Amino acid sequence: MCKERDINYLIRLYDKPFVKGEKRSKEYERMVRQEKSLEEKKRIADLLILEAPFHVTKYQKDHVKYLLEQYPDLTRLHGNAKTETIILALIFYTKIGLDGNIRLDKYAITNKYDLKHSTFELIICRLCFYYFQNTEIIPVDSKSKYDNYILYKGEKKQS
């Protein structure tokens, strides 16, 4: 009984990515840095959403956070732009996607964070290019579980 308790104690003790007194591994340090960076970006996104002069729905907030999680390296979207500028571009991207055409020069927040139309276009084009590279394409002629008619025509077959 005593040995079993000791073994379970040791399993719980060493079944963690970091044990007190041990030197942290490089992988663990990298994971901690990435988590902190993601939380910082989400915090900046929340502040920018509060500062936005238009209403942002919960779905749009979740979409922005999803984009931040899926694309952790924002400097690849625009090397010279600040993090706030790139996140603001993602907020406008989600707003335009659901609400239609929005003019960037109409809002003072774009001047405050230096978001110009050319910067916005570059960020969104690189984001789309990233997703085109990482999305699997399903062939129309394949005999799979997908309803390929919807993928090909964009609407359901009428039976």
Protein backbone atom coordinates (compact mmCIF):
# COMPACT_ATOMS: atom_id res chain seq x y z
CA MET A 1 0.00 0.00 0.00
CA CYS A 2 2.77 2.39 0.91
CA LYS A 3 4.78 1.65 -2.24
CA GLU A 4 1.70 2.15 -4.43
CA ARG A 5 1.02 5.52 -2.85
CA ASP A 6 4.64 6.54 -3.35
CA ILE A 7 4.57 5.50 -7.01
CA ASN A 8 1.36 7.44 -7.66
CA TYR A 9 2.87 10.45 -5.92
CA LEU A 10 5.96 10.28 -8.13
CA ILE A 11 3.84 9.87 -11.27
CA ARG A 12 1.82 12.98 -10.39
CA LEU A 13 5.00 14.85 -9.51
CA TYR A 14 6.86 14.08 -12.72
CA ASP A 15 3.88 14.09 -15.08
CA LYS A 16 4.19 17.86 -15.50
CA PRO A 17 6.11 19.83 -18.10
CA PHE A 18 8.13 21.52 -15.35
CA VAL A 19 9.21 20.27 -11.93
CA LYS A 20 10.44 22.70 -9.27
CA GLY A 21 14.20 22.67 -9.02
CA GLU A 22 14.76 21.43 -12.58
CA LYS A 23 16.03 23.58 -15.36
CA ARG A 24 13.28 24.44 -17.82
CA SER A 25 13.68 23.02 -21.28
CA LYS A 26 13.91 25.23 -24.36
CA GLU A 27 10.65 23.79 -25.69
CA TYR A 28 8.83 24.62 -22.46
CA GLU A 29 10.26 28.16 -22.45
CA ARG A 30 9.18 28.64 -26.08
CA MET A 31 5.69 27.36 -25.26
CA VAL A 32 5.40 29.77 -22.32
CA ARG A 33 6.57 32.70 -24.47
CA GLN A 34 4.04 31.84 -27.20
CA GLU A 35 1.20 31.63 -24.68
CA LYS A 36 2.16 34.99 -23.14
CA SER A 37 2.41 36.56 -26.59
CA LEU A 38 -1.00 35.23 -27.60
CA GLU A 39 -2.58 36.52 -24.39
CA GLU A 40 -1.00 39.94 -24.97
CA LYS A 41 -2.35 40.05 -28.53
CA LYS A 42 -5.83 39.07 -27.31
CA ARG A 43 -5.66 41.82 -24.68
CA ILE A 44 -4.69 44.37 -27.34
CA ALA A 45 -7.55 43.11 -29.52
CA ASP A 46 -10.02 43.58 -26.65
CA LEU A 47 -8.79 47.14 -26.08
CA LEU A 48 -9.01 47.99 -29.78
CA ILE A 49 -12.50 46.52 -30.02
CA LEU A 50 -13.58 48.71 -27.09
CA GLU A 51 -12.00 51.73 -28.79
CA ALA A 52 -13.61 50.99 -32.18
CA PRO A 53 -16.27 53.57 -33.16
CA PHE A 54 -18.62 50.87 -34.45
CA HIS A 55 -20.35 47.95 -32.78
CA VAL A 56 -18.42 44.68 -32.88
CA THR A 57 -20.50 41.57 -32.23
CA LYS A 58 -19.40 38.64 -30.07
CA TYR A 59 -19.00 36.53 -33.21
CA GLN A 60 -16.65 39.14 -34.71
CA LYS A 61 -14.61 39.28 -31.48
CA ASP A 62 -14.31 35.50 -31.49
CA HIS A 63 -13.33 35.58 -35.17
CA VAL A 64 -10.52 38.07 -34.49
CA LYS A 65 -9.24 35.93 -31.61
CA TYR A 66 -9.45 32.85 -33.82
CA LEU A 67 -7.35 34.59 -36.48
CA LEU A 68 -4.79 35.53 -33.82
CA GLU A 69 -4.61 31.92 -32.65
CA GLN A 70 -4.27 30.53 -36.16
CA TYR A 71 -1.69 33.06 -37.32
CA PRO A 72 0.66 33.65 -34.37
CA ASP A 73 3.44 35.44 -36.29
CA LEU A 74 1.94 38.82 -37.13
CA THR A 75 5.21 40.25 -38.44
CA ARG A 76 4.85 38.00 -41.51
CA LEU A 77 1.65 39.85 -42.40
CA HIS A 78 3.44 43.21 -42.43
CA GLY A 79 7.02 43.61 -41.30
CA ASN A 80 6.94 47.35 -40.62
CA ALA A 81 3.50 47.67 -39.06
CA LYS A 82 2.94 47.64 -35.32
CA THR A 83 1.01 44.85 -33.65
CA GLU A 84 -1.89 47.23 -32.91
CA THR A 85 -2.13 48.16 -36.60
CA ILE A 86 -2.26 44.54 -37.73
CA ILE A 87 -4.87 43.60 -35.12
CA LEU A 88 -6.95 46.65 -36.09
CA ALA A 89 -6.78 45.48 -39.72
CA LEU A 90 -8.09 42.07 -38.61
CA ILE A 91 -10.95 43.79 -36.76
CA PHE A 92 -11.86 45.77 -39.88
CA TYR A 93 -11.54 42.58 -41.95
CA THR A 94 -14.12 40.78 -39.81
CA LYS A 95 -16.37 43.84 -39.81
CA ILE A 96 -16.23 44.18 -43.61
CA GLY A 97 -16.79 40.44 -44.03
CA LEU A 98 -20.14 40.57 -42.24
CA ASP A 99 -21.37 44.12 -42.79
CA GLY A 100 -20.18 44.91 -46.28
CA ASN A 101 -18.19 47.85 -47.54
CA ILE A 102 -16.61 50.09 -44.87
CA ARG A 103 -14.31 52.97 -45.71
CA LEU A 104 -11.16 53.01 -43.61
CA ASP A 105 -10.47 56.72 -44.04
CA LYS A 106 -13.84 57.49 -42.46
CA TYR A 107 -12.65 56.45 -38.98
CA ALA A 108 -10.20 58.42 -36.81
CA ILE A 109 -8.90 55.22 -35.19
CA THR A 110 -7.21 54.28 -38.47
CA ASN A 111 -5.19 57.51 -38.39
CA LYS A 112 -4.34 56.99 -34.72
CA TYR A 113 -2.85 53.55 -35.38
CA ASP A 114 -1.55 54.39 -38.88
CA LEU A 115 -3.76 51.93 -40.77
CA LYS A 116 -3.83 53.04 -44.38
CA HIS A 117 -5.77 51.36 -47.16
CA SER A 118 -2.60 49.99 -48.78
CA THR A 119 -1.43 48.53 -45.45
CA PHE A 120 -4.86 46.96 -44.92
CA GLU A 121 -4.85 45.40 -48.39
CA LEU A 122 -1.36 43.97 -47.92
CA ILE A 123 -2.22 42.43 -44.54
CA ILE A 124 -5.43 40.85 -45.82
CA CYS A 125 -3.78 39.57 -49.03
CA ARG A 126 -1.01 37.90 -47.03
CA LEU A 127 -3.55 36.42 -44.63
CA CYS A 128 -5.55 35.00 -47.55
CA PHE A 129 -2.36 33.69 -49.17
CA TYR A 130 -1.49 31.91 -45.90
CA TYR A 131 -4.90 30.25 -45.80
CA PHE A 132 -4.76 29.28 -49.48
CA GLN A 133 -1.44 27.56 -48.85
CA ASN A 134 -2.65 25.69 -45.77
CA THR A 135 -6.14 24.66 -46.88
CA GLU A 136 -6.73 21.26 -48.36
CA ILE A 137 -8.49 21.26 -51.70
CA ILE A 138 -11.08 18.53 -52.18
CA PRO A 139 -11.39 17.29 -55.77
CA VAL A 140 -14.87 17.56 -57.27
CA ASP A 141 -14.73 14.14 -58.92
CA SER A 142 -13.72 12.24 -55.78
CA LYS A 143 -16.03 9.68 -54.21
CA SER A 144 -15.71 10.81 -50.62
CA LYS A 145 -17.94 11.67 -47.70
CA TYR A 146 -18.19 15.32 -48.83
CA ASP A 147 -21.14 16.59 -50.82
CA ASN A 148 -19.05 17.77 -53.74
CA TYR A 149 -21.99 19.32 -55.55
CA ILE A 150 -22.19 21.96 -52.81
CA LEU A 151 -18.46 22.65 -53.15
CA TYR A 152 -18.72 22.86 -56.93
CA LYS A 153 -21.96 24.80 -57.42
CA GLY A 154 -22.34 26.43 -54.03
CA GLU A 155 -25.88 25.21 -53.44
CA LYS A 156 -27.67 21.96 -52.57
CA LYS A 157 -28.98 19.55 -55.19
CA GLN A 158 -32.71 19.57 -55.55
CA SER A 159 -34.07 16.07 -55.13
